Amino acid sequence: MSDSNGTTGFAIGVVVGAVAGLIIGLLYAPRSGEEARELLREKVGEARDKGVEFVGRVRDVAAEAREKAK
């Protein structure tokens, strides 16, 4: 059971790190404030959707591994 929690925690860490990197990159990009905020909203929404999908896949793989271990 701890493997499942560790895997999920790792996946969440990857997603949070990716979003943080994206935000930092966008803030340093040479754009006006309004353009940067709009782009940031779009990219964060995309990253959130991808993160939710990724975490779902990780949970599925962890559940399969747990079943095989039984």
N, C-alpha and C. Protein backbone atom coordinates (compact mmCIF):
# COMPACT_ATOMS: atom_id res chain seq x y z
N MET A 1 0.82 -1.19 0.00
CA MET A 1 0.00 0.00 0.00
C MET A 1 0.87 1.26 0.00
N SER A 2 2.01 1.22 0.64
CA SER A 2 2.85 2.40 0.65
C SER A 2 3.43 2.69 -0.73
N ASP A 3 3.60 1.67 -1.58
CA ASP A 3 4.08 1.91 -2.93
C ASP A 3 3.09 2.76 -3.71
N SER A 4 1.80 2.48 -3.54
CA SER A 4 0.77 3.26 -4.23
C SER A 4 0.83 4.72 -3.80
N ASN A 5 0.95 4.96 -2.51
CA ASN A 5 1.01 6.34 -2.02
C ASN A 5 2.28 7.03 -2.48
N GLY A 6 3.39 6.31 -2.50
CA GLY A 6 4.64 6.88 -2.96
C GLY A 6 4.59 7.23 -4.43
N THR A 7 3.97 6.37 -5.23
CA THR A 7 3.85 6.62 -6.67
C THR A 7 2.95 7.82 -6.92
N THR A 8 1.85 7.88 -6.22
CA THR A 8 0.93 9.01 -6.39
C THR A 8 1.60 10.31 -5.95
N GLY A 9 2.32 10.25 -4.85
CA GLY A 9 3.04 11.44 -4.37
C GLY A 9 4.08 11.90 -5.36
N PHE A 10 4.78 10.95 -5.96
CA PHE A 10 5.78 11.28 -6.97
C PHE A 10 5.12 11.93 -8.17
N ALA A 11 4.00 11.37 -8.61
CA ALA A 11 3.28 11.91 -9.78
C ALA A 11 2.81 13.33 -9.50
N ILE A 12 2.31 13.56 -8.33
CA ILE A 12 1.85 14.91 -7.97
C ILE A 12 3.05 15.86 -7.94
N GLY A 13 4.17 15.41 -7.43
CA GLY A 13 5.38 16.23 -7.41
C GLY A 13 5.85 16.60 -8.80
N VAL A 14 5.77 15.64 -9.73
CA VAL A 14 6.16 15.92 -11.11
C VAL A 14 5.25 16.98 -11.72
N VAL A 15 3.96 16.85 -11.50
CA VAL A 15 3.00 17.81 -12.05
C VAL A 15 3.22 19.19 -11.45
N VAL A 16 3.41 19.27 -10.15
CA VAL A 16 3.63 20.56 -9.50
C VAL A 16 4.92 21.20 -10.01
N GLY A 17 5.95 20.39 -10.16
CA GLY A 17 7.22 20.91 -10.68
C GLY A 17 7.09 21.43 -12.10
N ALA A 18 6.34 20.70 -12.92
CA ALA A 18 6.14 21.14 -14.30
C ALA A 18 5.37 22.45 -14.36
N VAL A 19 4.34 22.58 -13.56
CA VAL A 19 3.56 23.81 -13.53
C VAL A 19 4.41 24.98 -13.03
N ALA A 20 5.22 24.74 -12.00
CA ALA A 20 6.08 25.81 -11.47
C ALA A 20 7.08 26.26 -12.54
N GLY A 21 7.67 25.31 -13.25
CA GLY A 21 8.60 25.66 -14.31
C GLY A 21 7.93 26.44 -15.42
N LEU A 22 6.74 26.03 -15.75
CA LEU A 22 5.98 26.72 -16.79
C LEU A 22 5.69 28.17 -16.38
N ILE A 23 5.26 28.35 -15.16
CA ILE A 23 4.95 29.69 -14.67
C ILE A 23 6.19 30.58 -14.68
N ILE A 24 7.30 30.05 -14.21
CA ILE A 24 8.53 30.84 -14.19
C ILE A 24 8.95 31.21 -15.61
N GLY A 25 8.86 30.24 -16.52
CA GLY A 25 9.21 30.52 -17.91
C GLY A 25 8.34 31.59 -18.53
N LEU A 26 7.05 31.54 -18.25
CA LEU A 26 6.14 32.53 -18.81
C LEU A 26 6.36 33.91 -18.22
N LEU A 27 6.72 33.96 -16.95
CA LEU A 27 6.93 35.26 -16.31
C LEU A 27 8.19 35.95 -16.85
N TYR A 28 9.15 35.18 -17.31
CA TYR A 28 10.37 35.77 -17.87
C TYR A 28 10.27 36.04 -19.36
N ALA A 29 9.19 35.61 -19.99
CA ALA A 29 9.01 35.82 -21.43
C ALA A 29 8.72 37.30 -21.69
N PRO A 30 9.25 37.84 -22.78
CA PRO A 30 9.04 39.27 -23.08
C PRO A 30 7.65 39.51 -23.70
N ARG A 31 6.66 39.68 -22.87
CA ARG A 31 5.28 39.95 -23.30
C ARG A 31 4.70 41.05 -22.42
N SER A 32 3.61 41.63 -22.90
CA SER A 32 2.91 42.60 -22.05
C SER A 32 2.23 41.85 -20.91
N GLY A 33 1.84 42.57 -19.90
CA GLY A 33 1.21 41.95 -18.74
C GLY A 33 -0.06 41.20 -19.08
N GLU A 34 -0.91 41.80 -19.90
CA GLU A 34 -2.18 41.16 -20.27
C GLU A 34 -1.93 39.90 -21.09
N GLU A 35 -1.01 39.97 -22.06
CA GLU A 35 -0.70 38.78 -22.87
C GLU A 35 -0.13 37.66 -21.99
N ALA A 36 0.75 38.03 -21.08
CA ALA A 36 1.37 37.03 -20.21
C ALA A 36 0.32 36.37 -19.31
N ARG A 37 -0.59 37.15 -18.77
CA ARG A 37 -1.62 36.57 -17.90
C ARG A 37 -2.54 35.63 -18.67
N GLU A 38 -2.93 36.01 -19.87
CA GLU A 38 -3.80 35.16 -20.69
C GLU A 38 -3.09 33.86 -21.05
N LEU A 39 -1.84 33.97 -21.47
CA LEU A 39 -1.07 32.77 -21.81
C LEU A 39 -0.89 31.89 -20.59
N LEU A 40 -0.65 32.50 -19.45
CA LEU A 40 -0.49 31.75 -18.20
C LEU A 40 -1.77 30.99 -17.85
N ARG A 41 -2.92 31.64 -17.99
CA ARG A 41 -4.20 30.96 -17.72
C ARG A 41 -4.37 29.75 -18.62
N GLU A 42 -4.08 29.92 -19.91
CA GLU A 42 -4.23 28.82 -20.86
C GLU A 42 -3.30 27.66 -20.53
N LYS A 43 -2.04 27.97 -20.28
CA LYS A 43 -1.05 26.93 -20.04
C LYS A 43 -1.29 26.21 -18.72
N VAL A 44 -1.71 26.93 -17.70
CA VAL A 44 -2.00 26.28 -16.42
C VAL A 44 -3.20 25.35 -16.56
N GLY A 45 -4.21 25.77 -17.32
CA GLY A 45 -5.36 24.90 -17.56
C GLY A 45 -4.96 23.63 -18.30
N GLU A 46 -4.10 23.78 -19.32
CA GLU A 46 -3.63 22.61 -20.05
C GLU A 46 -2.81 21.70 -19.15
N ALA A 47 -1.93 22.28 -18.34
CA ALA A 47 -1.10 21.49 -17.44
C ALA A 47 -1.95 20.76 -16.40
N ARG A 48 -2.99 21.43 -15.91
CA ARG A 48 -3.88 20.80 -14.94
C ARG A 48 -4.57 19.59 -15.56
N ASP A 49 -5.07 19.75 -16.78
CA ASP A 49 -5.74 18.64 -17.46
C ASP A 49 -4.79 17.47 -17.68
N LYS A 50 -3.58 17.77 -18.13
CA LYS A 50 -2.59 16.71 -18.34
C LYS A 50 -2.20 16.06 -17.02
N GLY A 51 -2.10 16.85 -15.97
CA GLY A 51 -1.76 16.30 -14.65
C GLY A 51 -2.83 15.36 -14.13
N VAL A 52 -4.07 15.75 -14.29
CA VAL A 52 -5.18 14.89 -13.84
C VAL A 52 -5.15 13.57 -14.61
N GLU A 53 -4.91 13.66 -15.91
CA GLU A 53 -4.83 12.45 -16.74
C GLU A 53 -3.66 11.57 -16.31
N PHE A 54 -2.51 12.20 -16.05
CA PHE A 54 -1.31 11.46 -15.65
C PHE A 54 -1.51 10.77 -14.31
N VAL A 55 -2.07 11.47 -13.35
CA VAL A 55 -2.30 10.88 -12.03
C VAL A 55 -3.29 9.72 -12.14
N GLY A 56 -4.30 9.86 -12.98
CA GLY A 56 -5.24 8.76 -13.20
C GLY A 56 -4.55 7.52 -13.74
N ARG A 57 -3.64 7.72 -14.70
CA ARG A 57 -2.90 6.59 -15.25
C ARG A 57 -2.00 5.95 -14.21
N VAL A 58 -1.36 6.79 -13.39
CA VAL A 58 -0.48 6.27 -12.34
C VAL A 58 -1.30 5.44 -11.35
N ARG A 59 -2.48 5.92 -11.00
CA ARG A 59 -3.33 5.16 -10.08
C ARG A 59 -3.74 3.82 -10.68
N ASP A 60 -4.06 3.81 -11.98
CA ASP A 60 -4.42 2.55 -12.64
C ASP A 60 -3.27 1.56 -12.61
N VAL A 61 -2.08 2.04 -12.91
CA VAL A 61 -0.90 1.17 -12.90
C VAL A 61 -0.63 0.67 -11.49
N ALA A 62 -0.77 1.54 -10.50
CA ALA A 62 -0.54 1.15 -9.11
C ALA A 62 -1.58 0.11 -8.67
N ALA A 63 -2.82 0.29 -9.10
CA ALA A 63 -3.87 -0.68 -8.74
C ALA A 63 -3.59 -2.04 -9.39
N GLU A 64 -3.13 -2.04 -10.65
CA GLU A 64 -2.78 -3.30 -11.30
C GLU A 64 -1.62 -3.98 -10.59
N ALA A 65 -0.62 -3.21 -10.20
CA ALA A 65 0.53 -3.78 -9.50
C ALA A 65 0.11 -4.34 -8.15
N ARG A 66 -0.80 -3.67 -7.48
CA ARG A 66 -1.29 -4.13 -6.18
C ARG A 66 -2.03 -5.45 -6.34
N GLU A 67 -2.85 -5.56 -7.41
CA GLU A 67 -3.58 -6.80 -7.66
C GLU A 67 -2.62 -7.96 -7.99
N LYS A 68 -1.59 -7.67 -8.77
CA LYS A 68 -0.61 -8.70 -9.09
C LYS A 68 0.15 -9.16 -7.85
N ALA A 69 0.40 -8.22 -6.95
CA ALA A 69 1.14 -8.55 -5.72
C ALA A 69 0.32 -9.45 -4.80
N LYS A 70 -1.00 -9.36 -4.87
CA LYS A 70 -1.86 -10.19 -4.03
C LYS A 70 -1.79 -11.58 -4.56
